[in-house]
Amino acid sequence: MRKPTSEGIVRAAAKVAEILPMTPLLPIEFGERSCWIKAESLQPIGAFKIRGAWNRITAIPVKDRARGVIGVSSGNHAQGVAWAARRLGIAATIVMPSDAPRIKLDNVRKLGAQIVEYERHVSDRDGIARELQAQTGATIVHAFADPWVIEGQGSIAIETRAQLAERGLPEPTRFIAPCGGGGLSAGLALACPEAEIVPVEPVGWDTIGRSMAAGTPLASDAAAPRTICDCLLAPAAQEINIDVLKHRAAPGLTVTDAEIRAAMRHLFAHARLVVEPGAAAGVAAAMAGKAPVDEGTVIVVTGGNVDPQLFSEIIGQDQ
């Protein structure tokens, strides 16, 4: 497999810019500390995953597109693959956990993709995808362990640099990002080699953090607790991501569900953003004082595909 590169990220950013407007870069304050948030929750599918999916699928040779594409995702990458495939006239099949948020399952179906459900923590989702590939010859579009996907996610940093430059500000010195499989964090690291990269994972689901500390990809902890961060539950780290991150990011930063809820309420009250739990992980780390924040810090808010009832319950809770 080819490796993702900074040059590939520049090419991906140009491809993304042809079809999507820049997402807003918004100022935000936590007490007396101020920084920026990149509102990827305002993408057409409600998540940053549209970037990597578009970059990967458009790289598939035309002669191979007739066989379709296969995605594996709890929802946001699934929507990105389905959106890109529909735009390109390609059949899409998505392997999704049966307990994925209903809003994500419904959105994938509305985009015309076929869903193959599996039981999370029981079935091998990547194995299911490989079986489907053997039957159809379709191209697997991995959610994070794919060089084109990583490069597509890194386009966020290219946009951010341009938006800061328009304001007469220097390049970002730090990115704080929710982390599942590490595709976004790896893309940011390659796009901005001088910036500090701070991946944030749910407590007990620090698969990337543990893998970086070990210097080798590890599986998720079988005894990991339940969490509301459905979009950050990668079953295992992959070498392509760890190879980038083990030299670029500090491992071990996690947030609790209570801190996530507080971040969702803060984003709704102060940035008027509807954000899903996992997407608020970076803001949660900043609010809890676990991640440093200054005027050169950019926090990526990765998605807004949250079940309305859950969002209402969280927003209505006491501060």
C-alpha atoms as a PDB file:
ATOM      1  CA  MET A   1       0.000   0.000   0.000  1.00  0.00           C
ATOM      2  CA  ARG A   2       1.254   3.472  -0.818  1.00  0.00           C
ATOM      3  CA  LYS A   3       1.874   5.836   2.061  1.00  0.00           C
ATOM      4  CA  PRO A   4      -0.003   9.118   2.534  1.00  0.00           C
ATOM      5  CA  THR A   5       2.052  12.239   1.827  1.00  0.00           C
ATOM      6  CA  SER A   6       1.830  15.969   2.366  1.00  0.00           C
ATOM      7  CA  GLU A   7       1.805  16.406  -1.416  1.00  0.00           C
ATOM      8  CA  GLY A   8      -1.172  14.054  -1.604  1.00  0.00           C
ATOM      9  CA  ILE A   9      -2.979  16.207   0.939  1.00  0.00           C
ATOM     10  CA  VAL A  10      -2.483  19.305  -1.204  1.00  0.00           C
ATOM     11  CA  ARG A  11      -3.952  17.436  -4.183  1.00  0.00           C
ATOM     12  CA  ALA A  12      -6.848  16.191  -2.056  1.00  0.00           C
ATOM     13  CA  ALA A  13      -7.586  19.714  -0.826  1.00  0.00           C
ATOM     14  CA  ALA A  14      -7.831  20.919  -4.425  1.00  0.00           C
ATOM     15  CA  LYS A  15     -10.267  18.109  -5.266  1.00  0.00           C
ATOM     16  CA  VAL A  16     -12.398  18.854  -2.211  1.00  0.00           C
ATOM     17  CA  ALA A  17     -12.416  22.584  -2.983  1.00  0.00           C
ATOM     18  CA  GLU A  18     -13.932  21.873  -6.397  1.00  0.00           C
ATOM     19  CA  ILE A  19     -17.127  20.429  -4.896  1.00  0.00           C
ATOM     20  CA  LEU A  20     -17.422  21.764  -1.329  1.00  0.00           C
ATOM     21  CA  PRO A  21     -17.199  25.243   0.220  1.00  0.00           C
ATOM     22  CA  MET A  22     -14.880  25.745   3.168  1.00  0.00           C
ATOM     23  CA  THR A  23     -16.434  24.954   6.532  1.00  0.00           C
ATOM     24  CA  PRO A  24     -16.436  27.866   9.006  1.00  0.00           C
ATOM     25  CA  LEU A  25     -13.485  28.586  11.264  1.00  0.00           C
ATOM     26  CA  LEU A  26     -15.074  30.048  14.376  1.00  0.00           C
ATOM     27  CA  PRO A  27     -13.560  31.729  17.449  1.00  0.00           C
ATOM     28  CA  ILE A  28     -14.521  30.228  20.782  1.00  0.00           C
ATOM     29  CA  GLU A  29     -13.681  30.943  24.413  1.00  0.00           C
ATOM     30  CA  PHE A  30     -13.255  28.721  27.460  1.00  0.00           C
ATOM     31  CA  GLY A  31     -13.222  31.156  30.327  1.00  0.00           C
ATOM     32  CA  GLU A  32     -10.314  33.503  29.570  1.00  0.00           C
ATOM     33  CA  ARG A  33      -8.768  31.154  27.014  1.00  0.00           C
ATOM     34  CA  SER A  34      -9.616  31.569  23.334  1.00  0.00           C
ATOM     35  CA  CYS A  35      -8.934  29.472  20.243  1.00  0.00           C
ATOM     36  CA  TRP A  36     -10.610  28.355  17.018  1.00  0.00           C
ATOM     37  CA  ILE A  37     -12.996  25.577  16.086  1.00  0.00           C
ATOM     38  CA  LYS A  38     -13.271  24.098  12.608  1.00  0.00           C
ATOM     39  CA  ALA A  39     -16.977  23.311  12.173  1.00  0.00           C
ATOM     40  CA  GLU A  40     -16.956  20.127  10.086  1.00  0.00           C
ATOM     41  CA  SER A  41     -20.402  19.352  11.492  1.00  0.00           C
ATOM     42  CA  LEU A  42     -21.698  21.717   8.783  1.00  0.00           C
ATOM     43  CA  GLN A  43     -20.593  19.545   5.862  1.00  0.00           C
ATOM     44  CA  PRO A  44     -23.378  18.292   3.497  1.00  0.00           C
ATOM     45  CA  ILE A  45     -23.371  14.908   5.272  1.00  0.00           C
ATOM     46  CA  GLY A  46     -22.826  16.513   8.677  1.00  0.00           C
ATOM     47  CA  ALA A  47     -19.263  15.238   9.105  1.00  0.00           C
ATOM     48  CA  PHE A  48     -15.666  15.600   7.910  1.00  0.00           C
ATOM     49  CA  LYS A  49     -15.673  12.057   6.520  1.00  0.00           C
ATOM     50  CA  ILE A  50     -16.957  13.367   3.192  1.00  0.00           C
ATOM     51  CA  ARG A  51     -13.419  14.585   2.475  1.00  0.00           C
ATOM     52  CA  GLY A  52     -11.621  11.256   2.681  1.00  0.00           C
ATOM     53  CA  ALA A  53     -14.431   9.363   0.980  1.00  0.00           C
ATOM     54  CA  TRP A  54     -14.464  11.754  -1.974  1.00  0.00           C
ATOM     55  CA  ASN A  55     -10.689  11.714  -2.346  1.00  0.00           C
ATOM     56  CA  ARG A  56     -10.548   7.913  -2.226  1.00  0.00           C
ATOM     57  CA  ILE A  57     -13.437   7.114  -4.538  1.00  0.00           C
ATOM     58  CA  THR A  58     -12.408   9.637  -7.179  1.00  0.00           C
ATOM     59  CA  ALA A  59      -8.995   7.923  -7.227  1.00  0.00           C
ATOM     60  CA  ILE A  60     -10.521   4.579  -8.248  1.00  0.00           C
ATOM     61  CA  PRO A  61      -9.805   3.873 -11.939  1.00  0.00           C
ATOM     62  CA  VAL A  62     -12.910   4.334 -14.087  1.00  0.00           C
ATOM     63  CA  LYS A  63     -12.732   0.724 -15.287  1.00  0.00           C
ATOM     64  CA  ASP A  64     -13.050  -0.505 -11.678  1.00  0.00           C
ATOM     65  CA  ARG A  65     -15.906   1.744 -10.581  1.00  0.00           C
ATOM     66  CA  ALA A  66     -18.590  -0.469 -12.125  1.00  0.00           C
ATOM     67  CA  ARG A  67     -17.883  -3.077  -9.431  1.00  0.00           C
ATOM     68  CA  GLY A  68     -18.910  -0.617  -6.734  1.00  0.00           C
ATOM     69  CA  VAL A  69     -17.427   0.363  -3.397  1.00  0.00           C
ATOM     70  CA  ILE A  70     -17.658  -1.045   0.119  1.00  0.00           C
ATOM     71  CA  GLY A  71     -17.411   1.019   3.275  1.00  0.00           C
ATOM     72  CA  VAL A  72     -17.193  -0.023   6.931  1.00  0.00           C
ATOM     73  CA  SER A  73     -18.499   2.530   9.394  1.00  0.00           C
ATOM     74  CA  SER A  74     -20.756   3.314  12.337  1.00  0.00           C
ATOM     75  CA  GLY A  75     -22.254   6.160  10.342  1.00  0.00           C
ATOM     76  CA  ASN A  76     -20.244   9.201   9.303  1.00  0.00           C
ATOM     77  CA  HIS A  77     -17.798   7.509   6.955  1.00  0.00           C
ATOM     78  CA  ALA A  78     -20.770   5.482   5.703  1.00  0.00           C
ATOM     79  CA  GLN A  79     -22.538   8.683   4.720  1.00  0.00           C
ATOM     80  CA  GLY A  80     -19.389  10.056   3.105  1.00  0.00           C
ATOM     81  CA  VAL A  81     -18.970   6.941   0.968  1.00  0.00           C
ATOM     82  CA  ALA A  82     -22.663   6.868   0.061  1.00  0.00           C
ATOM     83  CA  TRP A  83     -22.656  10.575  -0.852  1.00  0.00           C
ATOM     84  CA  ALA A  84     -19.551  10.327  -3.028  1.00  0.00           C
ATOM     85  CA  ALA A  85     -20.704   7.113  -4.691  1.00  0.00           C
ATOM     86  CA  ARG A  86     -24.097   8.557  -5.550  1.00  0.00           C
ATOM     87  CA  ARG A  87     -22.513  11.675  -7.029  1.00  0.00           C
ATOM     88  CA  LEU A  88     -20.254   9.506  -9.189  1.00  0.00           C
ATOM     89  CA  GLY A  89     -22.943   6.980 -10.141  1.00  0.00           C
ATOM     90  CA  ILE A  90     -21.275   4.095  -8.296  1.00  0.00           C
ATOM     91  CA  ALA A  91     -23.050   1.392  -6.276  1.00  0.00           C
ATOM     92  CA  ALA A  92     -22.177   1.478  -2.567  1.00  0.00           C
ATOM     93  CA  THR A  93     -22.502  -1.171   0.133  1.00  0.00           C
ATOM     94  CA  ILE A  94     -21.854  -0.185   3.741  1.00  0.00           C
ATOM     95  CA  VAL A  95     -21.088  -2.576   6.617  1.00  0.00           C
ATOM     96  CA  MET A  96     -22.620  -0.909   9.691  1.00  0.00           C
ATOM     97  CA  PRO A  97     -23.200  -1.993  13.316  1.00  0.00           C
ATOM     98  CA  SER A  98     -26.827  -2.766  14.087  1.00  0.00           C
ATOM     99  CA  ASP A  99     -26.673  -0.402  17.085  1.00  0.00           C
ATOM    100  CA  ALA A 100     -25.519   2.593  15.025  1.00  0.00           C
ATOM    101  CA  PRO A 101     -27.591   5.729  15.668  1.00  0.00           C
ATOM    102  CA  ARG A 102     -30.849   5.511  13.752  1.00  0.00           C
ATOM    103  CA  ILE A 103     -30.254   8.910  12.152  1.00  0.00           C
ATOM    104  CA  LYS A 104     -27.038   7.604  10.576  1.00  0.00           C
ATOM    105  CA  LEU A 105     -28.617   4.386   9.314  1.00  0.00           C
ATOM    106  CA  ASP A 106     -31.520   6.347   7.836  1.00  0.00           C
ATOM    107  CA  ASN A 107     -29.236   8.899   6.172  1.00  0.00           C
ATOM    108  CA  VAL A 108     -27.142   6.191   4.507  1.00  0.00           C
ATOM    109  CA  ARG A 109     -30.267   4.569   3.073  1.00  0.00           C
ATOM    110  CA  LYS A 110     -31.530   7.934   1.828  1.00  0.00           C
ATOM    111  CA  LEU A 111     -28.265   8.363  -0.045  1.00  0.00           C
ATOM    112  CA  GLY A 112     -28.979   5.133  -1.914  1.00  0.00           C
ATOM    113  CA  ALA A 113     -26.437   2.778  -0.354  1.00  0.00           C
ATOM    114  CA  GLN A 114     -27.141  -0.821   0.636  1.00  0.00           C
ATOM    115  CA  ILE A 115     -26.486  -1.596   4.315  1.00  0.00           C
ATOM    116  CA  VAL A 116     -25.139  -4.878   5.665  1.00  0.00           C
ATOM    117  CA  GLU A 117     -25.578  -4.867   9.436  1.00  0.00           C
ATOM    118  CA  TYR A 118     -23.364  -6.682  11.944  1.00  0.00           C
ATOM    119  CA  GLU A 119     -23.208  -7.041  15.726  1.00  0.00           C
ATOM    120  CA  ARG A 120     -20.646  -4.700  17.241  1.00  0.00           C
ATOM    121  CA  HIS A 121     -18.045  -6.417  19.506  1.00  0.00           C
ATOM    122  CA  VAL A 122     -19.139  -9.805  18.122  1.00  0.00           C
ATOM    123  CA  SER A 123     -18.563  -9.882  14.368  1.00  0.00           C
ATOM    124  CA  ASP A 124     -15.440  -8.940  12.390  1.00  0.00           C
ATOM    125  CA  ARG A 125     -16.597  -5.979  10.333  1.00  0.00           C
ATOM    126  CA  ASP A 126     -13.456  -5.887   8.195  1.00  0.00           C
ATOM    127  CA  GLY A 127     -13.815  -9.610   7.564  1.00  0.00           C
ATOM    128  CA  ILE A 128     -17.374  -9.053   6.353  1.00  0.00           C
ATOM    129  CA  ALA A 129     -16.133  -6.337   4.004  1.00  0.00           C
ATOM    130  CA  ARG A 130     -13.452  -8.634   2.601  1.00  0.00           C
ATOM    131  CA  GLU A 131     -16.026 -11.359   1.975  1.00  0.00           C
ATOM    132  CA  LEU A 132     -18.211  -8.901   0.084  1.00  0.00           C
ATOM    133  CA  GLN A 133     -15.200  -7.761  -1.904  1.00  0.00           C
ATOM    134  CA  ALA A 134     -14.385 -11.355  -2.856  1.00  0.00           C
ATOM    135  CA  GLN A 135     -17.951 -11.811  -4.110  1.00  0.00           C
ATOM    136  CA  THR A 136     -18.238  -8.564  -6.077  1.00  0.00           C
ATOM    137  CA  GLY A 137     -14.772  -7.234  -6.826  1.00  0.00           C
ATOM    138  CA  ALA A 138     -15.757  -3.892  -5.287  1.00  0.00           C
ATOM    139  CA  THR A 139     -13.172  -1.504  -3.858  1.00  0.00           C
ATOM    140  CA  ILE A 140     -13.026  -1.278  -0.061  1.00  0.00           C
ATOM    141  CA  VAL A 141     -12.929   2.323   1.146  1.00  0.00           C
ATOM    142  CA  HIS A 142     -11.535   1.982   4.659  1.00  0.00           C
ATOM    143  CA  ALA A 143     -12.642   4.560   7.187  1.00  0.00           C
ATOM    144  CA  PHE A 144      -9.119   5.463   8.337  1.00  0.00           C
ATOM    145  CA  ALA A 145      -6.469   2.964   7.180  1.00  0.00           C
ATOM    146  CA  ASP A 146      -6.260   4.169   3.594  1.00  0.00           C
ATOM    147  CA  PRO A 147      -3.717   6.678   2.213  1.00  0.00           C
ATOM    148  CA  TRP A 148      -6.258   8.550   0.052  1.00  0.00           C
ATOM    149  CA  VAL A 149      -8.683   8.769   2.985  1.00  0.00           C
ATOM    150  CA  ILE A 150      -5.951  10.105   5.280  1.00  0.00           C
ATOM    151  CA  GLU A 151      -4.978  12.677   2.657  1.00  0.00           C
ATOM    152  CA  GLY A 152      -8.589  13.728   2.230  1.00  0.00           C
ATOM    153  CA  GLN A 153      -8.996  14.300   5.961  1.00  0.00           C
ATOM    154  CA  GLY A 154      -5.782  16.326   5.983  1.00  0.00           C
ATOM    155  CA  SER A 155      -7.433  18.825   3.642  1.00  0.00           C
ATOM    156  CA  ILE A 156      -9.003  20.296   6.793  1.00  0.00           C
ATOM    157  CA  ALA A 157      -5.592  21.679   7.727  1.00  0.00           C
ATOM    158  CA  ILE A 158      -5.034  23.174   4.267  1.00  0.00           C
ATOM    159  CA  GLU A 159      -8.337  25.040   4.560  1.00  0.00           C
ATOM    160  CA  THR A 160      -7.583  26.152   8.101  1.00  0.00           C
ATOM    161  CA  ARG A 161      -4.220  27.607   7.137  1.00  0.00           C
ATOM    162  CA  ALA A 162      -5.852  29.566   4.311  1.00  0.00           C
ATOM    163  CA  GLN A 163      -8.606  30.872   6.598  1.00  0.00           C
ATOM    164  CA  LEU A 164      -6.121  32.034   9.224  1.00  0.00           C
ATOM    165  CA  ALA A 165      -3.986  33.680   6.536  1.00  0.00           C
ATOM    166  CA  GLU A 166      -7.037  35.597   5.307  1.00  0.00           C
ATOM    167  CA  ARG A 167      -7.292  37.052   8.808  1.00  0.00           C
ATOM    168  CA  GLY A 168      -3.607  37.989   8.786  1.00  0.00           C
ATOM    169  CA  LEU A 169      -2.791  35.301  11.344  1.00  0.00           C
ATOM    170  CA  PRO A 170       0.063  32.788  11.396  1.00  0.00           C
ATOM    171  CA  GLU A 171      -0.341  29.081  10.751  1.00  0.00           C
ATOM    172  CA  PRO A 172      -1.910  26.927  13.487  1.00  0.00           C
ATOM    173  CA  THR A 173       0.478  25.762  16.180  1.00  0.00           C
ATOM    174  CA  ARG A 174      -1.784  23.024  17.537  1.00  0.00           C
ATOM    175  CA  PHE A 175      -4.658  20.837  16.334  1.00  0.00           C
ATOM    176  CA  ILE A 176      -6.899  19.081  18.849  1.00  0.00           C
ATOM    177  CA  ALA A 177      -9.019  16.381  17.215  1.00  0.00           C
ATOM    178  CA  PRO A 178     -11.416  13.602  18.195  1.00  0.00           C
ATOM    179  CA  CYS A 179      -9.744  10.285  17.447  1.00  0.00           C
ATOM    180  CA  GLY A 180     -11.189   6.903  16.502  1.00  0.00           C
ATOM    181  CA  GLY A 181      -8.878   5.131  14.089  1.00  0.00           C
ATOM    182  CA  GLY A 182      -6.469   8.033  13.682  1.00  0.00           C
ATOM    183  CA  GLY A 183      -7.150   8.941  10.041  1.00  0.00           C
ATOM    184  CA  LEU A 184      -7.890  12.581  10.822  1.00  0.00           C
ATOM    185  CA  SER A 185      -4.983  13.000  13.239  1.00  0.00           C
ATOM    186  CA  ALA A 186      -2.581  11.450  10.727  1.00  0.00           C
ATOM    187  CA  GLY A 187      -3.830  13.722   7.963  1.00  0.00           C
ATOM    188  CA  LEU A 188      -3.424  16.814  10.133  1.00  0.00           C
ATOM    189  CA  ALA A 189       0.080  15.720  11.135  1.00  0.00           C
ATOM    190  CA  LEU A 190       1.181  15.355   7.516  1.00  0.00           C
ATOM    191  CA  ALA A 191      -0.474  18.600   6.410  1.00  0.00           C
ATOM    192  CA  CYS A 192       1.033  20.752   9.187  1.00  0.00           C
ATOM    193  CA  PRO A 193       4.342  19.159  10.193  1.00  0.00           C
ATOM    194  CA  GLU A 194       5.239  22.042  12.520  1.00  0.00           C
ATOM    195  CA  ALA A 195       1.984  21.918  14.495  1.00  0.00           C
ATOM    196  CA  GLU A 196       1.390  19.899  17.646  1.00  0.00           C
ATOM    197  CA  ILE A 197      -1.201  17.155  17.120  1.00  0.00           C
ATOM    198  CA  VAL A 198      -3.443  16.223  20.062  1.00  0.00           C
ATOM    199  CA  PRO A 199      -5.700  13.198  19.425  1.00  0.00           C
ATOM    200  CA  VAL A 200      -8.510  12.793  21.975  1.00  0.00           C
ATOM    201  CA  GLU A 201     -10.227   9.453  22.648  1.00  0.00           C
ATOM    202  CA  PRO A 202     -13.013   8.292  24.985  1.00  0.00           C
ATOM    203  CA  VAL A 203     -11.950   6.827  28.325  1.00  0.00           C
ATOM    204  CA  GLY A 204     -11.284   3.116  27.875  1.00  0.00           C
ATOM    205  CA  TRP A 205     -11.161   3.462  24.094  1.00  0.00           C
ATOM    206  CA  ASP A 206      -7.659   4.908  23.836  1.00  0.00           C
ATOM    207  CA  THR A 207      -6.623   2.386  21.194  1.00  0.00           C
ATOM    208  CA  ILE A 208      -4.535   4.927  19.290  1.00  0.00           C
ATOM    209  CA  GLY A 209      -2.936   6.300  22.446  1.00  0.00           C
ATOM    210  CA  ARG A 210      -1.940   2.831  23.654  1.00  0.00           C
ATOM    211  CA  SER A 211      -0.695   1.901  20.186  1.00  0.00           C
ATOM    212  CA  MET A 212       1.468   5.023  19.959  1.00  0.00           C
ATOM    213  CA  ALA A 213       2.913   4.295  23.401  1.00  0.00           C
ATOM    214  CA  ALA A 214       3.655   0.703  22.366  1.00  0.00           C
ATOM    215  CA  GLY A 215       4.967   1.718  18.938  1.00  0.00           C
ATOM    216  CA  THR A 216       2.798  -0.916  17.287  1.00  0.00           C
ATOM    217  CA  PRO A 217      -0.920  -1.236  16.390  1.00  0.00           C
ATOM    218  CA  LEU A 218      -3.091  -2.721  19.140  1.00  0.00           C
ATOM    219  CA  ALA A 219      -6.704  -3.890  19.286  1.00  0.00           C
ATOM    220  CA  SER A 220      -9.288  -2.121  21.408  1.00  0.00           C
ATOM    221  CA  ASP A 221      -9.659  -3.294  24.994  1.00  0.00           C
ATOM    222  CA  ALA A 222     -12.229  -6.096  25.190  1.00  0.00           C
ATOM    223  CA  ALA A 223     -13.302  -4.735  28.582  1.00  0.00           C
ATOM    224  CA  ALA A 224     -13.729  -1.146  27.358  1.00  0.00           C
ATOM    225  CA  PRO A 225     -16.712   0.592  28.980  1.00  0.00           C
ATOM    226  CA  ARG A 226     -19.790   1.764  27.152  1.00  0.00           C
ATOM    227  CA  THR A 227     -19.623   5.306  25.829  1.00  0.00           C
ATOM    228  CA  ILE A 228     -21.899   7.706  23.973  1.00  0.00           C
ATOM    229  CA  CYS A 229     -19.104   8.362  21.452  1.00  0.00           C
ATOM    230  CA  ASP A 230     -20.262   5.878  18.811  1.00  0.00           C
ATOM    231  CA  CYS A 231     -18.104   7.455  16.087  1.00  0.00           C
ATOM    232  CA  LEU A 232     -14.837   6.864  17.989  1.00  0.00           C
ATOM    233  CA  LEU A 233     -14.976   3.102  18.579  1.00  0.00           C
ATOM    234  CA  ALA A 234     -12.409   1.673  16.195  1.00  0.00           C
ATOM    235  CA  PRO A 235     -11.879  -2.057  16.880  1.00  0.00           C
ATOM    236  CA  ALA A 236      -8.139  -1.843  16.267  1.00  0.00           C
ATOM    237  CA  ALA A 237      -5.410   0.571  15.279  1.00  0.00           C
ATOM    238  CA  GLN A 238      -3.711   0.138  11.906  1.00  0.00           C
ATOM    239  CA  GLU A 239      -0.044   0.419  11.016  1.00  0.00           C
ATOM    240  CA  ILE A 240      -0.513   3.137   8.372  1.00  0.00           C
ATOM    241  CA  ASN A 241      -1.875   5.564  10.989  1.00  0.00           C
ATOM    242  CA  ILE A 242       0.495   4.632  13.809  1.00  0.00           C
ATOM    243  CA  ASP A 243       3.511   5.034  11.518  1.00  0.00           C
ATOM    244  CA  VAL A 244       2.580   8.703  11.113  1.00  0.00           C
ATOM    245  CA  LEU A 245       1.397   9.447  14.630  1.00  0.00           C
ATOM    246  CA  LYS A 246       4.010   7.720  16.779  1.00  0.00           C
ATOM    247  CA  HIS A 247       6.517  10.443  15.879  1.00  0.00           C
ATOM    248  CA  ARG A 248       4.067  13.351  15.862  1.00  0.00           C
ATOM    249  CA  ALA A 249       1.528  13.090  18.676  1.00  0.00           C
ATOM    250  CA  ALA A 250       1.553  12.556  22.421  1.00  0.00           C
ATOM    251  CA  PRO A 251      -0.524   9.508  23.471  1.00  0.00           C
ATOM    252  CA  GLY A 252      -2.866   9.027  26.364  1.00  0.00           C
ATOM    253  CA  LEU A 253      -5.367  11.924  26.268  1.00  0.00           C
ATOM    254  CA  THR A 254      -8.906  10.727  27.067  1.00  0.00           C
ATOM    255  CA  VAL A 255     -12.219  12.308  28.063  1.00  0.00           C
ATOM    256  CA  THR A 256     -15.244  11.035  29.946  1.00  0.00           C
ATOM    257  CA  ASP A 257     -18.841  10.962  28.768  1.00  0.00           C
ATOM    258  CA  ALA A 258     -19.657  13.645  31.354  1.00  0.00           C
ATOM    259  CA  GLU A 259     -16.971  15.908  29.853  1.00  0.00           C
ATOM    260  CA  ILE A 260     -18.337  15.177  26.372  1.00  0.00           C
ATOM    261  CA  ARG A 261     -21.843  16.205  27.429  1.00  0.00           C
ATOM    262  CA  ALA A 262     -20.542  19.454  28.908  1.00  0.00           C
ATOM    263  CA  ALA A 263     -18.730  20.183  25.641  1.00  0.00           C
ATOM    264  CA  MET A 264     -21.875  19.556  23.589  1.00  0.00           C
ATOM    265  CA  ARG A 265     -23.784  22.020  25.762  1.00  0.00           C
ATOM    266  CA  HIS A 266     -20.989  24.593  25.445  1.00  0.00           C
ATOM    267  CA  LEU A 267     -20.895  24.308  21.661  1.00  0.00           C
ATOM    268  CA  PHE A 268     -24.655  24.682  21.430  1.00  0.00           C
ATOM    269  CA  ALA A 269     -24.755  27.666  23.787  1.00  0.00           C
ATOM    270  CA  HIS A 270     -21.681  29.533  22.528  1.00  0.00           C
ATOM    271  CA  ALA A 271     -21.215  28.461  18.893  1.00  0.00           C
ATOM    272  CA  ARG A 272     -24.826  27.548  18.046  1.00  0.00           C
ATOM    273  CA  LEU A 273     -23.646  24.152  16.812  1.00  0.00           C
ATOM    274  CA  VAL A 274     -25.494  20.847  17.033  1.00  0.00           C
ATOM    275  CA  VAL A 275     -22.711  18.325  17.590  1.00  0.00           C
ATOM    276  CA  GLU A 276     -22.695  14.555  18.091  1.00  0.00           C
ATOM    277  CA  PRO A 277     -20.927  13.198  21.181  1.00  0.00           C
ATOM    278  CA  GLY A 278     -17.679  11.936  19.658  1.00  0.00           C
ATOM    279  CA  ALA A 279     -17.268  15.121  17.633  1.00  0.00           C
ATOM    280  CA  ALA A 280     -17.062  17.143  20.845  1.00  0.00           C
ATOM    281  CA  ALA A 281     -14.120  15.181  22.261  1.00  0.00           C
ATOM    282  CA  GLY A 282     -11.543  17.842  21.393  1.00  0.00           C
ATOM    283  CA  VAL A 283     -13.609  20.610  22.957  1.00  0.00           C
ATOM    284  CA  ALA A 284     -14.170  18.396  26.014  1.00  0.00           C
ATOM    285  CA  ALA A 285     -10.408  18.025  26.472  1.00  0.00           C
ATOM    286  CA  ALA A 286      -9.919  21.789  26.208  1.00  0.00           C
ATOM    287  CA  MET A 287     -12.736  22.595  28.631  1.00  0.00           C
ATOM    288  CA  ALA A 288     -11.453  20.077  31.174  1.00  0.00           C
ATOM    289  CA  GLY A 289      -7.968  21.578  31.040  1.00  0.00           C
ATOM    290  CA  LYS A 290      -6.509  18.344  29.675  1.00  0.00           C
ATOM    291  CA  ALA A 291      -5.328  19.913  26.412  1.00  0.00           C
ATOM    292  CA  PRO A 292      -3.538  23.284  26.219  1.00  0.00           C
ATOM    293  CA  VAL A 293      -5.349  26.050  24.367  1.00  0.00           C
ATOM    294  CA  ASP A 294      -4.062  29.324  22.930  1.00  0.00           C
ATOM    295  CA  GLU A 295      -4.719  31.599  19.955  1.00  0.00           C
ATOM    296  CA  GLY A 296      -2.853  29.232  17.643  1.00  0.00           C
ATOM    297  CA  THR A 297      -4.978  26.244  18.628  1.00  0.00           C
ATOM    298  CA  VAL A 298      -7.600  24.792  16.277  1.00  0.00           C
ATOM    299  CA  ILE A 299     -10.089  22.234  17.568  1.00  0.00           C
ATOM    300  CA  VAL A 300     -11.818  20.129  14.922  1.00  0.00           C
ATOM    301  CA  VAL A 301     -15.528  19.564  15.589  1.00  0.00           C
ATOM    302  CA  THR A 302     -15.977  16.541  13.398  1.00  0.00           C
ATOM    303  CA  GLY A 303     -19.712  15.863  13.056  1.00  0.00           C
ATOM    304  CA  GLY A 304     -23.289  16.728  13.887  1.00  0.00           C
ATOM    305  CA  ASN A 305     -25.179  13.493  13.221  1.00  0.00           C
ATOM    306  CA  VAL A 306     -26.734  13.027  16.621  1.00  0.00           C
ATOM    307  CA  ASP A 307     -30.014  11.387  17.516  1.00  0.00           C
ATOM    308  CA  PRO A 308     -32.437  14.271  18.236  1.00  0.00           C
ATOM    309  CA  GLN A 309     -33.740  12.706  21.448  1.00  0.00           C
ATOM    310  CA  LEU A 310     -30.245  12.128  22.832  1.00  0.00           C
ATOM    311  CA  PHE A 311     -29.206  15.668  21.918  1.00  0.00           C
ATOM    312  CA  SER A 312     -32.289  17.102  23.587  1.00  0.00           C
ATOM    313  CA  GLU A 313     -31.634  15.125  26.758  1.00  0.00           C
ATOM    314  CA  ILE A 314     -27.994  16.249  26.928  1.00  0.00           C
ATOM    315  CA  ILE A 315     -28.719  19.897  26.218  1.00  0.00           C
ATOM    316  CA  GLY A 316     -31.497  19.897  28.806  1.00  0.00           C
ATOM    317  CA  GLN A 317     -29.274  18.573  31.590  1.00  0.00           C
ATOM    318  CA  ASP A 318     -28.026  20.852  34.337  1.00  0.00           C
ATOM    319  CA  GLN A 319     -24.799  22.640  33.528  1.00  0.00           C
END
